Amino acid sequence: MARKKSVKKSATDFKSAADNITGFLSTVSSGQSDSHITWLHNYAIIRLYREFESLTLDCLIGAINNDTSTVSAKTGIQFPKHLTDEVCEYLVIGSGYFDFKGREGLIKTLKQFVPDDHYVITAVKKSKYKDPLEQLSALRNFAAHESGKSKRAALTAINAKNLSASGAWLKRQCRMRTIVTKLKELADEIHAAAPF
């Protein structure tokens, strides 16, 4: 029998990566100028988003890999019982790449492949993760693109009127650490509910 994708391992890996990001900020930030600390936080939110995106993709691959009836129920297509990780990934992203737009976009993407009551959707839909997920996406986009549209989305996500840079907001009042902590809690819930 083929080896099953471990969502539990992916959740653990995400938490480790998140810890590395906060460790990076606490180590490299000391002695830096205020501007450099802002840049470091810009990088950190981009990196955290990438790690969370990877966790989410792994969750979908694992859900399909561990039980193809999940994707069969959504697509109406009967898939073989055992699919490789690569085939599962192709079902999710095709020839493109994995991406989602905010919390609602993430839920919509998840619902394309797993039932509405799937443990990943159940966890992501919890109200305590709404703000951190919205802030993660919006602040990452503003840090990466610095466009007018991304700035407006970031201002909405943080409920503010002014924002010079994502990192400028994140470096104050332990905001980056708060987002990381909430996402690690989400990863813990996924880990606890995942069969493998």
C-alpha atoms as a PDB file:
ATOM      1  CA  MET A   1       0.000   0.000   0.000  1.00  0.00           C
ATOM      2  CA  ALA A   2       1.220   3.481  -0.856  1.00  0.00           C
ATOM      3  CA  ARG A   3       2.403   5.753   1.916  1.00  0.00           C
ATOM      4  CA  LYS A   4      -0.151   8.368   2.965  1.00  0.00           C
ATOM      5  CA  LYS A   5       0.569  12.107   3.092  1.00  0.00           C
ATOM      6  CA  SER A   6       0.963  13.220   6.685  1.00  0.00           C
ATOM      7  CA  VAL A   7      -1.032  16.364   7.404  1.00  0.00           C
ATOM      8  CA  LYS A   8       0.120  16.043  11.016  1.00  0.00           C
ATOM      9  CA  LYS A   9       3.745  16.365   9.888  1.00  0.00           C
ATOM     10  CA  SER A  10       2.889  19.345   7.694  1.00  0.00           C
ATOM     11  CA  ALA A  11       1.244  21.089  10.663  1.00  0.00           C
ATOM     12  CA  THR A  12       4.295  20.393  12.811  1.00  0.00           C
ATOM     13  CA  ASP A  13       6.591  21.659  10.040  1.00  0.00           C
ATOM     14  CA  PHE A  14       4.537  24.856   9.757  1.00  0.00           C
ATOM     15  CA  LYS A  15       4.834  25.519  13.484  1.00  0.00           C
ATOM     16  CA  SER A  16       8.589  25.000  13.311  1.00  0.00           C
ATOM     17  CA  ALA A  17       8.883  27.389  10.352  1.00  0.00           C
ATOM     18  CA  ALA A  18       6.739  29.976  12.184  1.00  0.00           C
ATOM     19  CA  ASP A  19       9.042  29.693  15.201  1.00  0.00           C
ATOM     20  CA  ASN A  20      12.047  30.196  12.926  1.00  0.00           C
ATOM     21  CA  ILE A  21      10.475  33.379  11.556  1.00  0.00           C
ATOM     22  CA  THR A  22       9.863  34.854  15.006  1.00  0.00           C
ATOM     23  CA  GLY A  23      13.336  33.713  16.042  1.00  0.00           C
ATOM     24  CA  PHE A  24      14.778  35.503  13.041  1.00  0.00           C
ATOM     25  CA  LEU A  25      12.970  38.708  14.002  1.00  0.00           C
ATOM     26  CA  SER A  26      14.142  38.603  17.604  1.00  0.00           C
ATOM     27  CA  THR A  27      17.752  37.857  16.679  1.00  0.00           C
ATOM     28  CA  VAL A  28      18.327  40.034  13.646  1.00  0.00           C
ATOM     29  CA  SER A  29      16.228  43.000  14.811  1.00  0.00           C
ATOM     30  CA  SER A  30      18.405  43.999  17.746  1.00  0.00           C
ATOM     31  CA  GLY A  31      20.655  46.917  16.905  1.00  0.00           C
ATOM     32  CA  GLN A  32      18.917  47.658  13.598  1.00  0.00           C
ATOM     33  CA  SER A  33      17.403  50.987  12.577  1.00  0.00           C
ATOM     34  CA  ASP A  34      13.636  51.456  12.715  1.00  0.00           C
ATOM     35  CA  SER A  35      13.536  51.307   8.909  1.00  0.00           C
ATOM     36  CA  HIS A  36      15.434  48.012   8.862  1.00  0.00           C
ATOM     37  CA  ILE A  37      13.086  46.522  11.461  1.00  0.00           C
ATOM     38  CA  THR A  38      10.155  47.481   9.219  1.00  0.00           C
ATOM     39  CA  TRP A  39      11.821  45.745   6.279  1.00  0.00           C
ATOM     40  CA  LEU A  40      12.485  42.659   8.384  1.00  0.00           C
ATOM     41  CA  HIS A  41       8.812  42.482   9.349  1.00  0.00           C
ATOM     42  CA  ASN A  42       7.815  42.931   5.698  1.00  0.00           C
ATOM     43  CA  TYR A  43       9.968  39.927   4.850  1.00  0.00           C
ATOM     44  CA  ALA A  44       8.618  37.980   7.825  1.00  0.00           C
ATOM     45  CA  ILE A  45       4.963  38.367   6.823  1.00  0.00           C
ATOM     46  CA  ILE A  46       5.774  37.314   3.254  1.00  0.00           C
ATOM     47  CA  ARG A  47       7.621  34.258   4.571  1.00  0.00           C
ATOM     48  CA  LEU A  48       4.852  33.398   7.051  1.00  0.00           C
ATOM     49  CA  TYR A  49       2.276  33.577   4.262  1.00  0.00           C
ATOM     50  CA  ARG A  50       4.397  31.257   2.128  1.00  0.00           C
ATOM     51  CA  GLU A  51       4.659  28.745   4.966  1.00  0.00           C
ATOM     52  CA  PHE A  52       0.917  28.906   5.655  1.00  0.00           C
ATOM     53  CA  GLU A  53       0.169  28.543   1.952  1.00  0.00           C
ATOM     54  CA  SER A  54       2.353  25.418   1.937  1.00  0.00           C
ATOM     55  CA  LEU A  55       0.513  24.023   4.970  1.00  0.00           C
ATOM     56  CA  THR A  56      -2.847  24.622   3.305  1.00  0.00           C
ATOM     57  CA  LEU A  57      -1.751  22.971   0.062  1.00  0.00           C
ATOM     58  CA  ASP A  58      -0.397  20.015   2.051  1.00  0.00           C
ATOM     59  CA  CYS A  59      -3.759  19.762   3.839  1.00  0.00           C
ATOM     60  CA  LEU A  60      -5.573  19.502   0.522  1.00  0.00           C
ATOM     61  CA  ILE A  61      -3.065  17.038  -0.906  1.00  0.00           C
ATOM     62  CA  GLY A  62      -3.308  14.987   2.286  1.00  0.00           C
ATOM     63  CA  ALA A  63      -7.102  15.060   2.307  1.00  0.00           C
ATOM     64  CA  ILE A  64      -7.215  13.750  -1.257  1.00  0.00           C
ATOM     65  CA  ASN A  65      -4.302  11.340  -0.801  1.00  0.00           C
ATOM     66  CA  ASN A  66      -5.737   9.862   2.399  1.00  0.00           C
ATOM     67  CA  ASP A  67      -9.306   9.524   1.106  1.00  0.00           C
ATOM     68  CA  THR A  68     -10.087  10.138  -2.569  1.00  0.00           C
ATOM     69  CA  SER A  69     -13.801  10.010  -1.805  1.00  0.00           C
ATOM     70  CA  THR A  70     -13.434  13.605  -0.501  1.00  0.00           C
ATOM     71  CA  VAL A  71     -12.547  14.985  -3.931  1.00  0.00           C
ATOM     72  CA  SER A  72     -14.839  12.504  -5.697  1.00  0.00           C
ATOM     73  CA  ALA A  73     -17.789  13.863  -3.705  1.00  0.00           C
ATOM     74  CA  LYS A  74     -16.951  17.419  -4.797  1.00  0.00           C
ATOM     75  CA  THR A  75     -16.174  16.720  -8.448  1.00  0.00           C
ATOM     76  CA  GLY A  76     -18.550  13.874  -9.214  1.00  0.00           C
ATOM     77  CA  ILE A  77     -15.608  11.920 -10.662  1.00  0.00           C
ATOM     78  CA  GLN A  78     -14.641   8.545  -9.227  1.00  0.00           C
ATOM     79  CA  PHE A  79     -10.910   8.525  -8.559  1.00  0.00           C
ATOM     80  CA  PRO A  80      -8.820   5.445  -7.816  1.00  0.00           C
ATOM     81  CA  LYS A  81      -8.374   4.718  -4.127  1.00  0.00           C
ATOM     82  CA  HIS A  82      -4.628   5.404  -4.189  1.00  0.00           C
ATOM     83  CA  LEU A  83      -3.216   8.536  -5.817  1.00  0.00           C
ATOM     84  CA  THR A  84       0.332   9.805  -5.499  1.00  0.00           C
ATOM     85  CA  ASP A  85       1.054  13.130  -3.822  1.00  0.00           C
ATOM     86  CA  GLU A  86       2.029  14.524  -7.206  1.00  0.00           C
ATOM     87  CA  VAL A  87      -1.311  13.573  -8.777  1.00  0.00           C
ATOM     88  CA  CYS A  88      -3.162  15.047  -5.788  1.00  0.00           C
ATOM     89  CA  GLU A  89      -1.176  18.263  -6.115  1.00  0.00           C
ATOM     90  CA  TYR A  90      -1.986  18.422  -9.825  1.00  0.00           C
ATOM     91  CA  LEU A  91      -5.690  18.040  -9.039  1.00  0.00           C
ATOM     92  CA  VAL A  92      -5.440  21.086  -6.758  1.00  0.00           C
ATOM     93  CA  ILE A  93      -3.200  23.430  -8.753  1.00  0.00           C
ATOM     94  CA  GLY A  94      -3.123  22.043 -12.288  1.00  0.00           C
ATOM     95  CA  SER A  95      -0.242  23.602 -14.171  1.00  0.00           C
ATOM     96  CA  GLY A  96      -0.381  26.799 -12.105  1.00  0.00           C
ATOM     97  CA  TYR A  97       0.407  27.521  -8.494  1.00  0.00           C
ATOM     98  CA  PHE A  98      -1.528  27.479  -5.237  1.00  0.00           C
ATOM     99  CA  ASP A  99      -2.937  30.783  -4.043  1.00  0.00           C
ATOM    100  CA  PHE A 100      -5.942  32.135  -2.177  1.00  0.00           C
ATOM    101  CA  LYS A 101      -7.361  35.582  -1.488  1.00  0.00           C
ATOM    102  CA  GLY A 102      -7.969  36.126   2.201  1.00  0.00           C
ATOM    103  CA  ARG A 103      -9.887  33.922   4.600  1.00  0.00           C
ATOM    104  CA  GLU A 104     -13.040  33.760   2.468  1.00  0.00           C
ATOM    105  CA  GLY A 105     -10.966  32.899  -0.595  1.00  0.00           C
ATOM    106  CA  LEU A 106      -9.214  30.181   1.385  1.00  0.00           C
ATOM    107  CA  ILE A 107     -12.523  28.677   2.499  1.00  0.00           C
ATOM    108  CA  LYS A 108     -13.821  28.820  -1.080  1.00  0.00           C
ATOM    109  CA  THR A 109     -10.684  27.068  -2.352  1.00  0.00           C
ATOM    110  CA  LEU A 110     -10.881  24.378   0.333  1.00  0.00           C
ATOM    111  CA  LYS A 111     -14.551  23.736  -0.478  1.00  0.00           C
ATOM    112  CA  GLN A 112     -13.628  22.941  -4.079  1.00  0.00           C
ATOM    113  CA  PHE A 113     -11.868  19.781  -2.894  1.00  0.00           C
ATOM    114  CA  VAL A 114     -13.244  18.687   0.477  1.00  0.00           C
ATOM    115  CA  PRO A 115     -16.721  18.534   2.054  1.00  0.00           C
ATOM    116  CA  ASP A 116     -17.986  21.541   3.995  1.00  0.00           C
ATOM    117  CA  ASP A 117     -17.646  19.647   7.278  1.00  0.00           C
ATOM    118  CA  HIS A 118     -14.011  18.650   6.663  1.00  0.00           C
ATOM    119  CA  TYR A 119     -11.754  19.295   9.662  1.00  0.00           C
ATOM    120  CA  VAL A 120      -9.599  21.862   7.827  1.00  0.00           C
ATOM    121  CA  ILE A 121     -12.616  23.943   6.799  1.00  0.00           C
ATOM    122  CA  THR A 122     -14.099  23.622  10.290  1.00  0.00           C
ATOM    123  CA  ALA A 123     -10.891  24.969  11.829  1.00  0.00           C
ATOM    124  CA  VAL A 124     -10.347  27.788   9.303  1.00  0.00           C
ATOM    125  CA  LYS A 125     -13.971  28.975   9.677  1.00  0.00           C
ATOM    126  CA  LYS A 126     -13.628  29.576  13.423  1.00  0.00           C
ATOM    127  CA  SER A 127     -14.132  33.243  14.223  1.00  0.00           C
ATOM    128  CA  LYS A 128     -10.941  33.442  16.300  1.00  0.00           C
ATOM    129  CA  TYR A 129      -8.904  32.897  13.112  1.00  0.00           C
ATOM    130  CA  LYS A 130     -10.770  35.415  10.948  1.00  0.00           C
ATOM    131  CA  ASP A 131      -8.666  38.491  11.747  1.00  0.00           C
ATOM    132  CA  PRO A 132      -5.274  36.738  11.720  1.00  0.00           C
ATOM    133  CA  LEU A 133      -6.021  35.094   8.352  1.00  0.00           C
ATOM    134  CA  GLU A 134      -7.296  38.348   6.829  1.00  0.00           C
ATOM    135  CA  GLN A 135      -4.299  40.243   8.187  1.00  0.00           C
ATOM    136  CA  LEU A 136      -1.880  37.581   6.962  1.00  0.00           C
ATOM    137  CA  SER A 137      -3.139  37.799   3.384  1.00  0.00           C
ATOM    138  CA  ALA A 138      -3.637  41.562   3.202  1.00  0.00           C
ATOM    139  CA  LEU A 139      -0.369  42.499   4.913  1.00  0.00           C
ATOM    140  CA  ARG A 140       1.566  39.986   2.820  1.00  0.00           C
ATOM    141  CA  ASN A 141       0.107  41.428  -0.374  1.00  0.00           C
ATOM    142  CA  PHE A 142       0.924  44.984   0.694  1.00  0.00           C
ATOM    143  CA  ALA A 143       4.456  43.982   1.708  1.00  0.00           C
ATOM    144  CA  ALA A 144       5.001  42.224  -1.622  1.00  0.00           C
ATOM    145  CA  HIS A 145       3.303  44.669  -4.000  1.00  0.00           C
ATOM    146  CA  GLU A 146       2.884  48.042  -2.264  1.00  0.00           C
ATOM    147  CA  SER A 147       0.064  48.895  -4.691  1.00  0.00           C
ATOM    148  CA  GLY A 148      -2.842  51.166  -3.908  1.00  0.00           C
ATOM    149  CA  LYS A 149      -5.244  48.233  -3.989  1.00  0.00           C
ATOM    150  CA  SER A 150      -3.109  46.131  -1.636  1.00  0.00           C
ATOM    151  CA  LYS A 151      -2.757  49.090   0.735  1.00  0.00           C
ATOM    152  CA  ARG A 152      -6.541  49.591   0.880  1.00  0.00           C
ATOM    153  CA  ALA A 153      -7.039  45.887   1.610  1.00  0.00           C
ATOM    154  CA  ALA A 154      -4.386  46.016   4.344  1.00  0.00           C
ATOM    155  CA  LEU A 155      -6.004  49.096   5.915  1.00  0.00           C
ATOM    156  CA  THR A 156      -9.337  47.262   5.966  1.00  0.00           C
ATOM    157  CA  ALA A 157      -7.771  44.133   7.476  1.00  0.00           C
ATOM    158  CA  ILE A 158      -6.145  46.054  10.318  1.00  0.00           C
ATOM    159  CA  ASN A 159      -9.009  48.564  10.674  1.00  0.00           C
ATOM    160  CA  ALA A 160      -6.771  51.611  10.294  1.00  0.00           C
ATOM    161  CA  LYS A 161      -6.711  54.864   8.327  1.00  0.00           C
ATOM    162  CA  ASN A 162      -2.962  55.115   7.702  1.00  0.00           C
ATOM    163  CA  LEU A 163      -0.258  52.584   6.954  1.00  0.00           C
ATOM    164  CA  SER A 164       3.197  53.239   5.553  1.00  0.00           C
ATOM    165  CA  ALA A 165       4.256  49.570   5.310  1.00  0.00           C
ATOM    166  CA  SER A 166       3.078  46.195   6.544  1.00  0.00           C
ATOM    167  CA  GLY A 167       6.211  45.875   8.641  1.00  0.00           C
ATOM    168  CA  ALA A 168       5.570  49.241  10.299  1.00  0.00           C
ATOM    169  CA  TRP A 169       2.271  47.923  11.693  1.00  0.00           C
ATOM    170  CA  LEU A 170       3.549  44.414  12.460  1.00  0.00           C
ATOM    171  CA  LYS A 171       6.568  45.538  14.510  1.00  0.00           C
ATOM    172  CA  ARG A 172       4.399  47.409  17.035  1.00  0.00           C
ATOM    173  CA  GLN A 173       2.655  45.881  20.049  1.00  0.00           C
ATOM    174  CA  CYS A 174       3.787  42.307  19.244  1.00  0.00           C
ATOM    175  CA  ARG A 175       1.366  42.155  16.301  1.00  0.00           C
ATOM    176  CA  MET A 176       3.534  39.787  14.266  1.00  0.00           C
ATOM    177  CA  ARG A 177       3.837  37.450  17.236  1.00  0.00           C
ATOM    178  CA  THR A 178       0.047  37.568  17.722  1.00  0.00           C
ATOM    179  CA  ILE A 179      -0.574  36.499  14.107  1.00  0.00           C
ATOM    180  CA  VAL A 180       2.037  33.743  14.392  1.00  0.00           C
ATOM    181  CA  THR A 181       0.519  32.502  17.663  1.00  0.00           C
ATOM    182  CA  LYS A 182      -2.990  32.305  16.174  1.00  0.00           C
ATOM    183  CA  LEU A 183      -1.768  30.502  13.060  1.00  0.00           C
ATOM    184  CA  LYS A 184       0.135  28.027  15.218  1.00  0.00           C
ATOM    185  CA  GLU A 185      -3.090  27.396  17.177  1.00  0.00           C
ATOM    186  CA  LEU A 186      -4.842  26.743  13.863  1.00  0.00           C
ATOM    187  CA  ALA A 187      -2.056  24.327  12.906  1.00  0.00           C
ATOM    188  CA  ASP A 188      -2.526  22.583  16.273  1.00  0.00           C
ATOM    189  CA  GLU A 189      -6.229  22.107  15.549  1.00  0.00           C
ATOM    190  CA  ILE A 190      -5.462  20.691  12.119  1.00  0.00           C
ATOM    191  CA  HIS A 191      -2.823  18.411  13.637  1.00  0.00           C
ATOM    192  CA  ALA A 192      -5.259  17.119  16.279  1.00  0.00           C
ATOM    193  CA  ALA A 193      -8.005  16.414  13.736  1.00  0.00           C
ATOM    194  CA  ALA A 194      -5.881  14.937  10.925  1.00  0.00           C
ATOM    195  CA  PRO A 195      -5.965  11.147  10.638  1.00  0.00           C
ATOM    196  CA  PHE A 196      -2.308  10.952   9.537  1.00  0.00           C
END
